[in-house]
Amino acid sequence: MDWGTQLWDQYDVIDKHTQSGLDLLDRYIKFVKERSEIEQNYAKQLRNLTKRYAKRGNKEDQDCKFSNHASFQEILNELNDYAGQRELIAENLMTGICVDLLKKSQDFKLERKTHLADVKKAQQNLESSFKHLENTKKRYAKEWAEAEKASQQAEKAESEVSATRVDVEKAKQHAHARTHTAEECRNDYAAELQKYNKEQNYHYYTDIPQLLNKLQGMDERRIRSLADGYCKFSDIEKKVLPIISKCLEGISAAGTKVNEKQDSILVIEQHKSGFEPPADVEFEDYSQGIKSAISESSLNPPKVRGLIWPFSKKHKQTPAEDYSHLPPEQRKKRLQTKIDDIHKDLQKAQDQSEALEKMKGVYEQNPQMGDPSSLEPRILEMTQDMSRLRGELTKYETWLSEALGGEESPFPVNNNTEYRTSMSGRVAHDPDVNIYAEFDEEFDDIESPIGQCTALYSFEGNSEGTISIKEGELLSIMEEDKGDGWMRVLRATGDEGYIPSSYVKLAP
């Protein structure tokens, strides 16, 4: 069934129906656009939320060693990725539905306007032909009436006795002329009628059905496009559901990684001082020689053994370079960490020096590539840096050896009598002192990533200080390229080391 056959006389209905369909198409486009804006705002709010609660500063970097802190950071990262998928949905809604349907809507409106104009034109042509037919018919009727009248006058003149022969002939000629004119008008009317009937038949059985069927085809294509838009509305979100599911699974996995027992042990390892609790306070008997005791005490008050008050108010001390202001355990850890950092810096300096020496050799063999003498200042600077670092390494290794006191374990419990004595004396004079106040702020310099990058190629780190990476792997930048072609990065597995700068692409 088609409109041209069944609705040939329902032009107004078709006009209204096609306009209603285009209005629905425009409403759906507006609906999807507002949905896209909602997704965009939602993603923006999620990103702002993760940014507000993301770790800031070295203190929280230290906290991320605990599983509960690290898991929360992973949740924020997953939520940030989730926000990215919502942004992708918003973008695809605009490009995949709104832009496409908006163009089709404009095409449909133009096509509808053209078809309706053609229908009106065809109707006007038929009406014009019908008016011409009516005029021809009226002229035929008028001429035939005049011919009848002329014939009657000729008969009357012939029957009158007083009429002359000339008058009779004249009346007959006039009647004959009128009859001839009426016959011509009759033939014109018959021809015009035949022409009109042919045009009317073409109008109602060919022209109008074709135009209405075109409108029907346009409306069906409009409906099909709208139906595709309905499906895309769902499909666009379905496409990102696997990634969204991974984000949600990552959030769940982050929760399962939390290990309360391990976090408690980590607190102990990070903050134990190495001291032993104070011994019992001895009883001092003043019952013998009370007078002398009193007199002596008035001049020289008896020394009371200092106590350690773990929950007293903190009084911060200025940190010493050898970390002697810290308790034994913390001092050893800080010295060892410092030595490890110096080793890394020294290895980096050595790598840079080797790279400069190689570059100098290349310049010497190929002068057109550069002047070898231009690298001398940099080589000298690197040599001085390595000398300074070796000096610092020797200094900190000496301090660590003193702190270990010849023990095999790198971090043994050492009572450090001298340190305890000084601490006890200080606490005795100031009972509000907290022994932990001296090293609470020493954990605020944990290094944090300065950016992210993606590995363009795989790299096998065979030399000391380098690490292996895989193509497409996301890495955290711990230290930028200093001009030697190497940068220090941190893998998701926790491995850290140097890689060639040209092997990665910086994240925007």
Protein backbone atom coordinates (compact mmCIF):
# COMPACT_ATOMS: atom_id res chain seq x y z
CA MET A 1 0.00 0.00 0.00
CA ASP A 2 1.19 3.48 -0.82
CA TRP A 3 0.15 7.04 -0.22
CA GLY A 4 -0.29 7.85 -3.93
CA THR A 5 -3.06 5.27 -4.30
CA GLN A 6 -4.72 5.32 -0.89
CA LEU A 7 -4.27 8.97 0.10
CA TRP A 8 -4.53 10.73 -3.27
CA ASP A 9 -7.11 13.16 -1.84
CA GLN A 10 -5.47 13.66 1.61
CA TYR A 11 -2.88 16.28 0.73
CA ASP A 12 -3.44 18.25 3.97
CA VAL A 13 -3.07 15.11 6.09
CA ILE A 14 0.22 14.21 4.39
CA ASP A 15 1.46 17.78 4.78
CA LYS A 16 0.73 17.72 8.51
CA HIS A 17 2.08 14.19 9.04
CA THR A 18 5.43 14.81 7.35
CA GLN A 19 5.89 18.05 9.27
CA SER A 20 5.15 16.23 12.54
CA GLY A 21 7.79 13.61 11.67
CA LEU A 22 10.45 16.25 11.03
CA ASP A 23 9.53 17.94 14.29
CA LEU A 24 10.08 14.65 16.10
CA LEU A 25 13.48 14.28 14.40
CA ASP A 26 14.48 17.76 15.59
CA ARG A 27 13.25 16.98 19.12
CA TYR A 28 15.35 13.80 19.23
CA ILE A 29 18.43 15.68 18.03
CA LYS A 30 17.91 18.22 20.81
CA PHE A 31 17.36 15.41 23.33
CA VAL A 32 20.63 13.67 22.39
CA LYS A 33 22.50 16.98 22.51
CA GLU A 34 21.27 17.64 26.06
CA ARG A 35 22.17 14.06 27.03
CA SER A 36 25.67 14.67 25.63
CA GLU A 37 25.99 17.83 27.72
CA ILE A 38 24.93 15.89 30.81
CA GLU A 39 27.60 13.26 30.13
CA GLN A 40 30.20 15.97 29.54
CA ASN A 41 29.33 17.74 32.79
CA TYR A 42 29.27 14.43 34.65
CA ALA A 43 32.73 13.55 33.36
CA LYS A 44 33.99 17.02 34.30
CA GLN A 45 32.62 16.69 37.82
CA LEU A 46 34.19 13.23 38.18
CA ARG A 47 37.58 14.56 37.06
CA ASN A 48 37.32 17.48 39.49
CA LEU A 49 36.37 15.05 42.25
CA THR A 50 39.36 12.78 41.61
CA LYS A 51 41.63 15.83 41.38
CA ARG A 52 40.44 17.14 44.75
CA TYR A 53 41.02 13.83 46.50
CA ALA A 54 44.20 12.82 44.69
CA LYS A 55 47.38 12.71 46.77
CA ARG A 56 49.29 15.94 47.08
CA GLY A 57 52.70 16.50 48.56
CA ASN A 58 55.34 14.19 49.92
CA LYS A 59 53.41 13.32 53.07
CA GLU A 60 50.73 11.53 51.09
CA ASP A 61 53.36 9.94 48.85
CA GLN A 62 54.68 8.33 52.00
CA ASP A 63 51.18 7.29 53.00
CA CYS A 64 50.73 5.49 49.67
CA LYS A 65 53.12 2.82 50.92
CA PHE A 66 50.19 1.59 52.97
CA SER A 67 47.79 -0.65 51.09
CA ASN A 68 44.69 1.27 52.16
CA HIS A 69 46.16 4.56 50.91
CA ALA A 70 47.47 3.01 47.68
CA SER A 71 44.10 1.35 47.01
CA PHE A 72 42.29 4.66 47.38
CA GLN A 73 44.73 6.20 44.90
CA GLU A 74 44.02 3.33 42.48
CA ILE A 75 40.30 3.94 42.90
CA LEU A 76 40.81 7.60 42.00
CA ASN A 77 42.82 6.60 38.94
CA GLU A 78 40.14 4.14 37.82
CA LEU A 79 37.45 6.76 38.37
CA ASN A 80 39.45 9.19 36.27
CA ASP A 81 39.54 6.59 33.47
CA TYR A 82 35.80 6.06 33.98
CA ALA A 83 35.31 9.82 33.49
CA GLY A 84 37.23 9.54 30.24
CA GLN A 85 34.75 6.94 28.99
CA ARG A 86 31.83 9.24 29.85
CA GLU A 87 33.55 11.95 27.80
CA LEU A 88 33.87 9.47 24.94
CA ILE A 89 30.14 8.73 25.17
CA ALA A 90 29.38 12.45 25.01
CA GLU A 91 31.62 12.92 21.99
CA ASN A 92 30.17 9.93 20.13
CA LEU A 93 26.61 11.04 20.85
CA MET A 94 27.36 14.36 19.19
CA THR A 95 29.32 13.03 16.20
CA GLY A 96 27.48 9.74 15.72
CA ILE A 97 23.90 10.95 16.19
CA CYS A 98 23.43 14.72 16.39
CA VAL A 99 25.69 15.73 13.50
CA ASP A 100 24.42 12.95 11.23
CA LEU A 101 20.73 13.45 11.99
CA LEU A 102 21.00 17.23 11.78
CA LYS A 103 22.32 16.97 8.22
CA LYS A 104 19.61 14.45 7.29
CA SER A 105 16.95 16.66 8.87
CA GLN A 106 18.01 19.57 6.68
CA ASP A 107 17.96 17.31 3.59
CA PHE A 108 14.52 15.94 4.50
CA LYS A 109 13.09 19.43 5.00
CA LEU A 110 14.39 20.57 1.63
CA GLU A 111 13.09 17.41 -0.08
CA ARG A 112 9.67 17.75 1.57
CA LYS A 113 9.44 21.37 0.54
CA THR A 114 10.26 20.45 -3.07
CA HIS A 115 7.71 17.61 -3.25
CA LEU A 116 4.93 19.68 -1.68
CA ALA A 117 5.68 22.51 -4.08
CA ASP A 118 5.45 20.08 -7.00
CA VAL A 119 2.07 18.83 -5.71
CA LYS A 120 0.76 22.38 -5.46
CA LYS A 121 2.07 23.19 -8.93
CA ALA A 122 0.39 20.12 -10.41
CA GLN A 123 -2.86 21.03 -8.66
CA GLN A 124 -2.65 24.61 -9.97
CA ASN A 125 -2.00 23.37 -13.51
CA LEU A 126 -5.07 21.10 -13.35
CA GLU A 127 -7.19 23.93 -11.95
CA SER A 128 -5.96 26.24 -14.71
CA SER A 129 -6.84 23.64 -17.33
CA PHE A 130 -10.28 23.20 -15.78
CA LYS A 131 -10.89 26.96 -15.88
CA HIS A 132 -9.93 27.02 -19.56
CA LEU A 133 -12.37 24.15 -20.14
CA GLU A 134 -15.12 26.06 -18.35
CA ASN A 135 -14.46 29.15 -20.45
CA THR A 136 -14.59 27.09 -23.64
CA LYS A 137 -17.81 25.49 -22.49
CA LYS A 138 -19.42 28.85 -21.68
CA ARG A 139 -18.37 30.24 -25.07
CA TYR A 140 -19.86 27.17 -26.79
CA ALA A 141 -23.09 27.57 -24.82
CA LYS A 142 -23.28 31.27 -25.68
CA GLU A 143 -22.56 30.76 -29.39
CA TRP A 144 -25.07 27.91 -29.63
CA ALA A 145 -27.74 30.11 -28.02
CA GLU A 146 -26.96 32.88 -30.54
CA ALA A 147 -27.16 30.37 -33.41
CA GLU A 148 -30.56 29.14 -32.17
CA LYS A 149 -31.77 32.72 -31.96
CA ALA A 150 -30.50 33.55 -35.49
CA SER A 151 -32.22 30.45 -36.91
CA GLN A 152 -35.50 31.43 -35.28
CA GLN A 153 -35.24 34.96 -36.70
CA ALA A 154 -34.52 33.57 -40.19
CA GLU A 155 -37.60 31.31 -40.00
CA LYS A 156 -39.69 34.21 -38.77
CA ALA A 157 -38.51 36.45 -41.60
CA GLU A 158 -39.30 33.77 -44.17
CA SER A 159 -42.83 33.36 -42.83
CA GLU A 160 -43.63 37.06 -42.79
CA VAL A 161 -45.41 38.36 -45.92
CA SER A 162 -44.04 41.86 -45.58
CA ALA A 163 -40.39 40.66 -45.53
CA THR A 164 -38.45 41.15 -48.74
CA ARG A 165 -36.39 38.47 -50.38
CA VAL A 166 -33.21 40.35 -49.49
CA ASP A 167 -34.16 40.46 -45.82
CA VAL A 168 -34.90 36.75 -45.84
CA GLU A 169 -31.57 35.90 -47.44
CA LYS A 170 -29.75 38.16 -45.05
CA ALA A 171 -31.43 36.49 -42.06
CA LYS A 172 -30.56 33.04 -43.39
CA GLN A 173 -26.92 33.98 -43.95
CA HIS A 174 -26.69 35.39 -40.42
CA ALA A 175 -28.24 32.20 -38.98
CA HIS A 176 -25.86 30.07 -41.03
CA ALA A 177 -22.82 32.07 -39.81
CA ARG A 178 -23.97 31.78 -36.21
CA THR A 179 -24.51 28.07 -36.60
CA HIS A 180 -21.04 27.66 -38.12
CA THR A 181 -19.47 29.62 -35.23
CA ALA A 182 -21.41 27.54 -32.71
CA GLU A 183 -20.13 24.35 -34.39
CA GLU A 184 -16.55 25.61 -34.12
CA CYS A 185 -17.05 26.41 -30.43
CA ARG A 186 -18.58 22.97 -29.98
CA ASN A 187 -15.53 21.35 -31.56
CA ASP A 188 -13.20 23.52 -29.40
CA TYR A 189 -15.14 22.52 -26.28
CA ALA A 190 -14.98 18.84 -27.20
CA ALA A 191 -11.22 19.05 -27.83
CA GLU A 192 -10.62 20.97 -24.60
CA LEU A 193 -12.74 18.49 -22.68
CA GLN A 194 -10.76 15.59 -24.09
CA LYS A 195 -7.51 17.38 -23.23
CA TYR A 196 -8.67 18.14 -19.66
CA ASN A 197 -9.82 14.58 -19.03
CA LYS A 198 -6.43 13.35 -20.19
CA GLU A 199 -4.63 15.81 -17.89
CA GLN A 200 -6.93 14.95 -15.00
CA ASN A 201 -6.30 11.26 -15.51
CA TYR A 202 -2.52 11.86 -15.56
CA HIS A 203 -2.81 14.12 -12.51
CA TYR A 204 -4.70 11.67 -10.30
CA TYR A 205 -3.24 8.42 -11.55
CA THR A 206 0.35 9.31 -12.36
CA ASP A 207 1.66 12.70 -11.26
CA ILE A 208 0.12 13.02 -7.78
CA PRO A 209 0.72 9.35 -6.86
CA GLN A 210 4.38 9.70 -7.81
CA LEU A 211 4.80 12.85 -5.75
CA LEU A 212 2.94 11.42 -2.75
CA ASN A 213 4.97 8.22 -3.00
CA LYS A 214 8.16 10.31 -2.96
CA LEU A 215 6.89 11.98 0.20
CA GLN A 216 6.15 8.54 1.59
CA GLY A 217 9.68 7.37 0.74
CA MET A 218 11.16 10.46 2.35
CA ASP A 219 9.12 9.94 5.50
CA GLU A 220 10.10 6.26 5.68
CA ARG A 221 13.79 7.20 5.31
CA ARG A 222 13.27 9.77 8.05
CA ILE A 223 11.77 7.08 10.28
CA ARG A 224 14.61 4.67 9.45
CA SER A 225 17.21 7.32 10.29
CA LEU A 226 15.42 8.03 13.55
CA ALA A 227 15.31 4.33 14.36
CA ASP A 228 19.05 4.05 13.69
CA GLY A 229 19.55 7.02 16.00
CA TYR A 230 17.56 5.24 18.70
CA CYS A 231 19.80 2.17 18.37
CA LYS A 232 23.01 4.23 18.33
CA PHE A 233 21.88 5.90 21.54
CA SER A 234 22.27 2.53 23.22
CA ASP A 235 25.12 1.12 21.13
CA ILE A 236 27.42 4.06 21.85
CA GLU A 237 27.29 3.30 25.56
CA LYS A 238 27.48 -0.46 25.00
CA LYS A 239 30.79 -0.04 23.18
CA VAL A 240 32.46 1.48 26.24
CA LEU A 241 30.79 -0.84 28.75
CA PRO A 242 33.72 -3.32 28.64
CA ILE A 243 36.15 -0.55 29.55
CA ILE A 244 33.77 0.83 32.17
CA SER A 245 33.46 -2.70 33.58
CA LYS A 246 37.25 -2.91 33.75
CA CYS A 247 37.34 0.39 35.63
CA LEU A 248 34.75 -0.89 38.10
CA GLU A 249 36.61 -4.19 38.40
CA GLY A 250 39.78 -2.21 39.04
CA ILE A 251 38.01 -0.37 41.86
CA SER A 252 36.91 -3.70 43.35
CA ALA A 253 40.42 -5.12 42.91
CA ALA A 254 41.85 -2.08 44.69
CA GLY A 255 39.58 -2.85 47.64
CA THR A 256 40.71 -6.46 47.78
CA LYS A 257 44.36 -5.39 47.81
CA VAL A 258 43.99 -3.74 51.20
CA ASN A 259 45.91 -5.73 53.81
CA GLU A 260 45.35 -4.37 57.28
CA LYS A 261 47.94 -6.63 58.90
CA GLN A 262 50.63 -5.65 56.41
CA ASP A 263 49.82 -1.96 56.89
CA SER A 264 50.21 -2.35 60.64
CA ILE A 265 53.59 -4.05 60.17
CA LEU A 266 54.64 -1.28 57.79
CA VAL A 267 53.82 1.33 60.44
CA ILE A 268 56.11 -0.52 62.83
CA GLU A 269 58.92 -0.78 60.28
CA GLN A 270 58.70 2.88 59.36
CA HIS A 271 58.50 4.37 62.82
CA LYS A 272 60.10 2.05 65.38
CA SER A 273 62.89 3.92 67.17
CA GLY A 274 65.03 0.97 68.28
CA PHE A 275 64.84 1.98 71.94
CA GLU A 276 63.80 -0.34 74.72
CA PRO A 277 61.19 0.74 77.25
CA PRO A 278 62.75 2.37 80.36
CA ALA A 279 63.64 0.14 83.30
CA ASP A 280 61.90 0.34 86.69
CA VAL A 281 62.70 3.42 88.76
CA GLU A 282 64.88 2.41 91.66
CA PHE A 283 63.90 3.19 95.24
CA GLU A 284 66.16 5.79 96.83
CA ASP A 285 66.22 5.56 100.63
CA TYR A 286 66.54 8.91 102.39
CA SER A 287 65.63 7.55 105.83
CA GLN A 288 69.32 7.44 106.77
CA GLY A 289 70.92 10.80 107.22
CA ILE A 290 67.79 12.77 106.56
CA LYS A 291 69.29 16.05 107.72
CA SER A 292 72.36 15.74 105.62
CA ALA A 293 70.27 14.50 102.71
CA ILE A 294 68.01 17.50 103.08
CA SER A 295 70.89 19.90 103.32
CA GLU A 296 72.65 18.30 100.39
CA SER A 297 69.47 18.19 98.40
CA SER A 298 68.90 21.85 99.01
CA LEU A 299 72.27 22.58 97.44
CA ASN A 300 72.51 19.72 94.95
CA PRO A 301 69.13 18.17 94.16
CA PRO A 302 69.37 14.43 93.51
CA LYS A 303 69.45 13.44 89.86
CA VAL A 304 66.25 11.80 88.74
CA ARG A 305 66.47 9.46 85.79
CA GLY A 306 64.81 10.91 82.73
CA LEU A 307 61.73 9.19 81.32
CA ILE A 308 60.48 8.87 77.77
CA TRP A 309 56.93 10.10 77.34
CA PRO A 310 55.64 8.81 73.98
CA PHE A 311 52.43 10.86 74.07
CA SER A 312 53.82 14.19 75.19
CA LYS A 313 53.70 17.38 73.11
CA LYS A 314 56.11 17.55 70.17
CA HIS A 315 59.13 19.84 70.02
CA LYS A 316 60.85 19.78 66.66
CA GLN A 317 64.60 19.74 66.29
CA THR A 318 66.71 20.99 63.44
CA PRO A 319 67.65 17.93 61.31
CA ALA A 320 71.34 17.00 61.31
CA GLU A 321 73.15 16.01 58.13
CA ASP A 322 74.15 12.63 59.55
CA TYR A 323 70.61 12.08 60.88
CA SER A 324 71.99 11.76 64.42
CA HIS A 325 68.88 13.56 65.63
CA LEU A 326 66.83 10.46 64.71
CA PRO A 327 66.42 7.28 66.76
CA PRO A 328 68.77 4.44 65.77
CA GLU A 329 66.42 2.51 63.51
CA GLN A 330 65.23 5.57 61.64
CA ARG A 331 68.76 6.90 61.32
CA LYS A 332 69.96 3.68 59.70
CA LYS A 333 67.08 3.68 57.27
CA ARG A 334 67.62 7.28 56.29
CA LEU A 335 71.35 6.79 55.84
CA GLN A 336 70.79 3.69 53.71
CA THR A 337 68.20 5.54 51.61
CA LYS A 338 70.58 8.44 51.15
CA ILE A 339 73.36 6.06 50.06
CA ASP A 340 71.01 4.40 47.55
CA ASP A 341 70.07 7.81 46.12
CA ILE A 342 73.73 8.79 45.80
CA HIS A 343 74.42 5.49 44.00
CA LYS A 344 71.65 6.28 41.54
CA ASP A 345 72.89 9.83 40.98
CA LEU A 346 76.44 8.55 40.55
CA GLN A 347 75.32 5.92 38.04
CA LYS A 348 73.39 8.55 36.12
CA ALA A 349 76.39 10.88 36.12
CA GLN A 350 78.59 8.06 34.86
CA ASP A 351 76.13 7.26 32.08
CA GLN A 352 76.00 10.91 31.08
CA SER A 353 79.79 11.12 31.11
CA GLU A 354 80.07 8.04 28.92
CA ALA A 355 77.49 9.45 26.52
CA LEU A 356 79.42 12.73 26.28
CA GLU A 357 82.69 10.87 25.68
CA LYS A 358 81.05 8.86 22.89
CA MET A 359 79.64 12.04 21.39
CA LYS A 360 83.07 13.65 21.58
CA GLY A 361 84.56 10.65 19.75
CA VAL A 362 81.95 10.97 17.04
CA TYR A 363 82.71 14.71 16.66
CA GLU A 364 86.43 13.96 16.44
CA GLN A 365 85.84 11.43 13.66
CA ASN A 366 83.23 13.61 11.93
CA PRO A 367 84.07 17.29 12.47
CA GLN A 368 81.15 18.37 10.31
CA MET A 369 78.77 17.10 13.00
CA GLY A 370 80.13 19.34 15.76
CA ASP A 371 83.10 20.75 17.64
CA PRO A 372 84.59 18.26 20.16
CA SER A 373 85.95 21.10 22.31
CA SER A 374 82.40 22.37 22.89
CA LEU A 375 81.77 19.26 25.03
CA GLU A 376 84.79 19.80 27.30
CA PRO A 377 83.01 22.11 29.82
CA ARG A 378 80.17 19.64 30.17
CA ILE A 379 82.57 16.68 30.56
CA LEU A 380 84.51 18.60 33.20
CA GLU A 381 81.30 19.43 35.02
CA MET A 382 80.24 15.78 35.02
CA THR A 383 83.69 14.75 36.34
CA GLN A 384 83.37 17.23 39.20
CA ASP A 385 79.86 15.99 39.97
CA MET A 386 81.06 12.39 40.12
CA SER A 387 83.91 13.40 42.46
CA ARG A 388 81.48 15.23 44.71
CA LEU A 389 79.06 12.28 44.73
CA ARG A 390 81.86 9.81 45.56
CA GLY A 391 82.87 12.05 48.47
CA GLU A 392 79.32 12.17 49.76
CA LEU A 393 78.99 8.40 49.30
CA THR A 394 82.10 7.79 51.42
CA LYS A 395 80.83 10.18 54.09
CA TYR A 396 77.39 8.57 54.38
CA GLU A 397 78.80 5.04 54.27
CA THR A 398 81.05 5.96 57.22
CA TRP A 399 78.09 7.28 59.17
CA LEU A 400 76.10 4.16 58.36
CA SER A 401 78.97 1.97 59.54
CA GLU A 402 79.04 3.91 62.81
CA ALA A 403 75.26 3.57 63.18
CA LEU A 404 75.41 -0.19 62.54
CA GLY A 405 78.17 -0.58 65.12
CA GLY A 406 79.65 -3.64 63.38
CA GLU A 407 76.38 -5.60 63.42
CA GLU A 408 75.53 -7.84 60.49
CA SER A 409 71.91 -6.85 60.09
CA PRO A 410 71.47 -3.66 58.10
CA PHE A 411 68.81 -2.42 60.49
CA PRO A 412 69.34 -4.12 63.90
CA VAL A 413 67.91 -2.96 67.17
CA ASN A 414 70.61 -0.84 68.79
CA ASN A 415 70.07 0.59 72.24
CA ASN A 416 72.51 3.46 71.57
CA THR A 417 73.15 4.27 75.23
CA GLU A 418 74.65 7.66 74.53
CA TYR A 419 71.60 8.73 72.52
CA ARG A 420 69.21 7.43 75.18
CA THR A 421 71.12 9.21 77.92
CA SER A 422 70.95 12.52 76.09
CA MET A 423 67.27 11.95 75.35
CA SER A 424 66.50 10.99 78.93
CA GLY A 425 68.24 14.05 80.26
CA ARG A 426 66.37 16.29 77.84
CA VAL A 427 63.03 14.69 78.66
CA ALA A 428 63.72 15.03 82.35
CA HIS A 429 64.06 18.78 81.94
CA ASP A 430 61.09 18.99 79.60
CA PRO A 431 58.49 16.28 80.24
CA ASP A 432 56.44 17.52 77.29
CA VAL A 433 59.03 16.40 74.77
CA ASN A 434 58.03 13.54 72.42
CA ILE A 435 60.87 11.43 71.06
CA TYR A 436 58.99 10.98 67.78
CA ALA A 437 58.80 14.73 67.20
CA GLU A 438 62.37 14.68 65.97
CA PHE A 439 61.76 12.50 62.95
CA ASP A 440 58.03 12.89 62.16
CA GLU A 441 58.76 15.46 59.51
CA GLU A 442 61.61 13.52 57.94
CA PHE A 443 59.31 11.50 55.69
CA ASP A 444 58.03 14.44 53.66
CA ASP A 445 60.61 14.25 50.89
CA ILE A 446 59.50 11.03 49.19
CA GLU A 447 59.95 11.50 45.46
CA SER A 448 56.78 11.70 43.37
CA PRO A 449 56.32 11.31 39.57
CA ILE A 450 56.59 14.49 37.52
CA GLY A 451 54.64 13.17 34.56
CA GLN A 452 53.70 10.15 32.47
CA CYS A 453 54.78 8.71 29.13
CA THR A 454 54.04 5.78 26.83
CA ALA A 455 56.69 3.43 25.47
CA LEU A 456 56.93 3.61 21.68
CA TYR A 457 59.35 0.67 21.45
CA SER A 458 60.51 -2.19 23.65
CA PHE A 459 63.88 -1.74 25.38
CA GLU A 460 66.07 -4.31 27.12
CA GLY A 461 67.86 -2.74 30.08
CA ASN A 462 71.00 -4.83 30.28
CA SER A 463 73.38 -2.31 31.87
CA GLU A 464 73.35 -1.29 35.51
CA GLY A 465 70.82 1.42 36.34
CA THR A 466 68.60 0.70 33.32
CA ILE A 467 65.32 -1.19 33.19
CA SER A 468 63.46 -3.07 30.47
CA ILE A 469 60.19 -1.72 29.07
CA LYS A 470 57.58 -3.02 26.62
CA GLU A 471 55.96 -1.25 23.69
CA GLY A 472 52.73 0.52 24.69
CA GLU A 473 53.53 0.40 28.42
CA LEU A 474 52.48 3.40 30.53
CA LEU A 475 55.38 4.74 32.64
CA SER A 476 55.74 7.38 35.35
CA ILE A 477 58.51 9.94 34.79
CA MET A 478 60.67 10.31 37.89
CA GLU A 479 63.45 12.40 36.32
CA GLU A 480 63.52 14.24 32.99
CA ASP A 481 66.18 14.00 30.30
CA LYS A 482 69.12 16.20 31.34
CA GLY A 483 70.51 16.40 27.83
CA ASP A 484 72.23 13.01 27.70
CA GLY A 485 69.37 11.17 26.00
CA TRP A 486 68.26 9.25 29.14
CA MET A 487 65.38 9.66 31.57
CA ARG A 488 64.48 7.86 34.81
CA VAL A 489 61.03 6.20 34.89
CA LEU A 490 58.93 4.05 37.20
CA ARG A 491 57.01 1.01 35.95
CA ALA A 492 53.65 -0.14 37.30
CA THR A 493 55.48 -3.17 38.74
CA GLY A 494 57.57 -0.88 40.94
CA ASP A 495 60.80 -1.24 38.90
CA GLU A 496 62.66 2.04 38.47
CA GLY A 497 65.60 2.94 36.23
CA TYR A 498 66.84 4.74 33.14
CA ILE A 499 65.63 4.33 29.55
CA PRO A 500 66.39 6.18 26.28
CA SER A 501 64.26 9.34 26.01
CA SER A 502 63.61 8.68 22.30
CA TYR A 503 61.87 5.40 23.14
CA VAL A 504 58.84 7.06 24.74
CA LYS A 505 56.16 9.60 23.97
CA LEU A 506 55.21 12.11 26.65
CA ALA A 507 51.57 12.01 27.76
CA PRO A 508 49.64 15.27 27.09
